[in-house]
């Protein structure tokens, strides 16, 4: 089952996406991921840039953590997709 999650990458980027955790590497399947930025004004941008694919696979060595986004981030993401 896919849920909207917030991912923190080792690069320092924050992503919001529909996420499916997989049993083997690559460990995470993302559908339509966006980077999250801004504090006063929330901004979402497609990730990765310059790629048309909506399904992205990430290995666990790219991740710091995965968790539930704030309601504001969740709402902004759902509005985009």
C-alpha atoms as a PDB file:
ATOM      1  CA  UNK A   1       0.000   0.000   0.000  1.00  0.00           C
ATOM      2  CA  UNK A   2       1.260   3.477  -0.850  1.00  0.00           C
ATOM      3  CA  UNK A   3       1.100   6.382   1.576  1.00  0.00           C
ATOM      4  CA  UNK A   4       2.105  10.037   1.282  1.00  0.00           C
ATOM      5  CA  UNK A   5       5.415  10.291   3.136  1.00  0.00           C
ATOM      6  CA  UNK A   6       8.174  12.813   3.731  1.00  0.00           C
ATOM      7  CA  UNK A   7      11.686  11.572   3.022  1.00  0.00           C
ATOM      8  CA  UNK A   8      14.897  13.221   4.174  1.00  0.00           C
ATOM      9  CA  UNK A   9      17.800  12.360   1.878  1.00  0.00           C
ATOM     10  CA  UNK A  10      21.455  12.290   2.889  1.00  0.00           C
ATOM     11  CA  UNK A  11      21.952  15.140   0.401  1.00  0.00           C
ATOM     12  CA  UNK A  12      19.787  17.337   2.671  1.00  0.00           C
ATOM     13  CA  UNK A  13      16.797  17.393   0.313  1.00  0.00           C
ATOM     14  CA  UNK A  14      13.276  16.896   1.609  1.00  0.00           C
ATOM     15  CA  UNK A  15      10.903  14.936  -0.650  1.00  0.00           C
ATOM     16  CA  UNK A  16       7.180  14.348  -0.443  1.00  0.00           C
ATOM     17  CA  UNK A  17       5.790  11.463  -2.445  1.00  0.00           C
ATOM     18  CA  UNK A  18       3.543   8.462  -2.588  1.00  0.00           C
ATOM     19  CA  UNK A  19       5.862   5.816  -1.122  1.00  0.00           C
ATOM     20  CA  UNK A  20       5.970   2.042  -1.189  1.00  0.00           C
ATOM     21  CA  UNK A  21       8.625   0.366   0.933  1.00  0.00           C
ATOM     22  CA  UNK A  22      10.142  -2.686  -0.766  1.00  0.00           C
ATOM     23  CA  UNK A  23      11.650  -5.784   0.839  1.00  0.00           C
ATOM     24  CA  UNK A  24      14.888  -5.671  -1.166  1.00  0.00           C
ATOM     25  CA  UNK A  25      17.136  -2.983  -2.660  1.00  0.00           C
ATOM     26  CA  UNK A  26      16.176  -0.592  -4.061  1.00  0.00           C
ATOM     27  CA  UNK A  27      14.180  -0.206  -0.825  1.00  0.00           C
ATOM     28  CA  UNK A  28      11.817   2.627  -1.749  1.00  0.00           C
ATOM     29  CA  UNK A  29       9.474   3.116  -4.705  1.00  0.00           C
ATOM     30  CA  UNK A  30       8.384   6.755  -5.137  1.00  0.00           C
ATOM     31  CA  UNK A  31       5.490   7.878  -7.305  1.00  0.00           C
ATOM     32  CA  UNK A  32       5.469  11.529  -8.425  1.00  0.00           C
ATOM     33  CA  UNK A  33       8.030  12.857  -5.911  1.00  0.00           C
ATOM     34  CA  UNK A  34       8.458  16.577  -5.211  1.00  0.00           C
ATOM     35  CA  UNK A  35      11.123  18.469  -3.285  1.00  0.00           C
ATOM     36  CA  UNK A  36       9.818  20.542  -0.400  1.00  0.00           C
ATOM     37  CA  UNK A  37      11.315  23.950   0.361  1.00  0.00           C
ATOM     38  CA  UNK A  38      10.411  27.230   2.023  1.00  0.00           C
ATOM     39  CA  UNK A  39       9.338  28.000   5.547  1.00  0.00           C
ATOM     40  CA  UNK A  40       7.073  31.050   5.310  1.00  0.00           C
ATOM     41  CA  UNK A  41       5.816  29.991   1.876  1.00  0.00           C
ATOM     42  CA  UNK A  42       5.803  26.289   1.043  1.00  0.00           C
ATOM     43  CA  UNK A  43       7.157  25.376  -2.403  1.00  0.00           C
ATOM     44  CA  UNK A  44       7.042  21.996  -4.167  1.00  0.00           C
ATOM     45  CA  UNK A  45       9.145  21.202  -7.259  1.00  0.00           C
ATOM     46  CA  UNK A  46       9.230  18.011  -9.323  1.00  0.00           C
ATOM     47  CA  UNK A  47      12.108  15.663  -8.436  1.00  0.00           C
ATOM     48  CA  UNK A  48      14.431  14.706  -9.978  1.00  0.00           C
ATOM     49  CA  UNK A  49      14.697  17.677 -12.295  1.00  0.00           C
ATOM     50  CA  UNK A  50      14.855  17.076 -16.039  1.00  0.00           C
ATOM     51  CA  UNK A  51      13.296  13.591 -15.779  1.00  0.00           C
ATOM     52  CA  UNK A  52       9.841  12.687 -17.085  1.00  0.00           C
ATOM     53  CA  UNK A  53       9.549   9.413 -15.142  1.00  0.00           C
ATOM     54  CA  UNK A  54       6.972   9.438 -12.359  1.00  0.00           C
ATOM     55  CA  UNK A  55       8.150   6.158 -10.799  1.00  0.00           C
ATOM     56  CA  UNK A  56      11.520   6.481  -9.059  1.00  0.00           C
ATOM     57  CA  UNK A  57      13.439   3.815  -7.117  1.00  0.00           C
ATOM     58  CA  UNK A  58      15.767   4.789  -4.247  1.00  0.00           C
ATOM     59  CA  UNK A  59      18.283   2.679  -2.379  1.00  0.00           C
ATOM     60  CA  UNK A  60      18.441   2.828   1.397  1.00  0.00           C
ATOM     61  CA  UNK A  61      21.920   4.393   1.336  1.00  0.00           C
ATOM     62  CA  UNK A  62      20.338   7.601  -0.069  1.00  0.00           C
ATOM     63  CA  UNK A  63      17.936   8.004   2.869  1.00  0.00           C
ATOM     64  CA  UNK A  64      18.261   9.452   6.346  1.00  0.00           C
ATOM     65  CA  UNK A  65      14.642   8.883   7.370  1.00  0.00           C
ATOM     66  CA  UNK A  66      11.052   8.499   6.184  1.00  0.00           C
ATOM     67  CA  UNK A  67       8.047   9.817   8.091  1.00  0.00           C
ATOM     68  CA  UNK A  68       4.614  11.384   7.967  1.00  0.00           C
ATOM     69  CA  UNK A  69       4.485  14.909   6.493  1.00  0.00           C
ATOM     70  CA  UNK A  70       2.780  17.832   8.174  1.00  0.00           C
ATOM     71  CA  UNK A  71      -0.802  18.454   7.114  1.00  0.00           C
ATOM     72  CA  UNK A  72       0.291  21.550   5.131  1.00  0.00           C
ATOM     73  CA  UNK A  73       2.865  19.542   3.149  1.00  0.00           C
ATOM     74  CA  UNK A  74       0.413  16.670   2.601  1.00  0.00           C
ATOM     75  CA  UNK A  75      -2.300  19.052   1.348  1.00  0.00           C
ATOM     76  CA  UNK A  76       0.106  20.900  -0.986  1.00  0.00           C
ATOM     77  CA  UNK A  77       1.304  17.573  -2.425  1.00  0.00           C
ATOM     78  CA  UNK A  78      -2.189  16.195  -2.965  1.00  0.00           C
ATOM     79  CA  UNK A  79      -3.180  19.437  -4.685  1.00  0.00           C
ATOM     80  CA  UNK A  80      -0.208  19.025  -7.100  1.00  0.00           C
ATOM     81  CA  UNK A  81      -0.986  15.431  -7.982  1.00  0.00           C
END
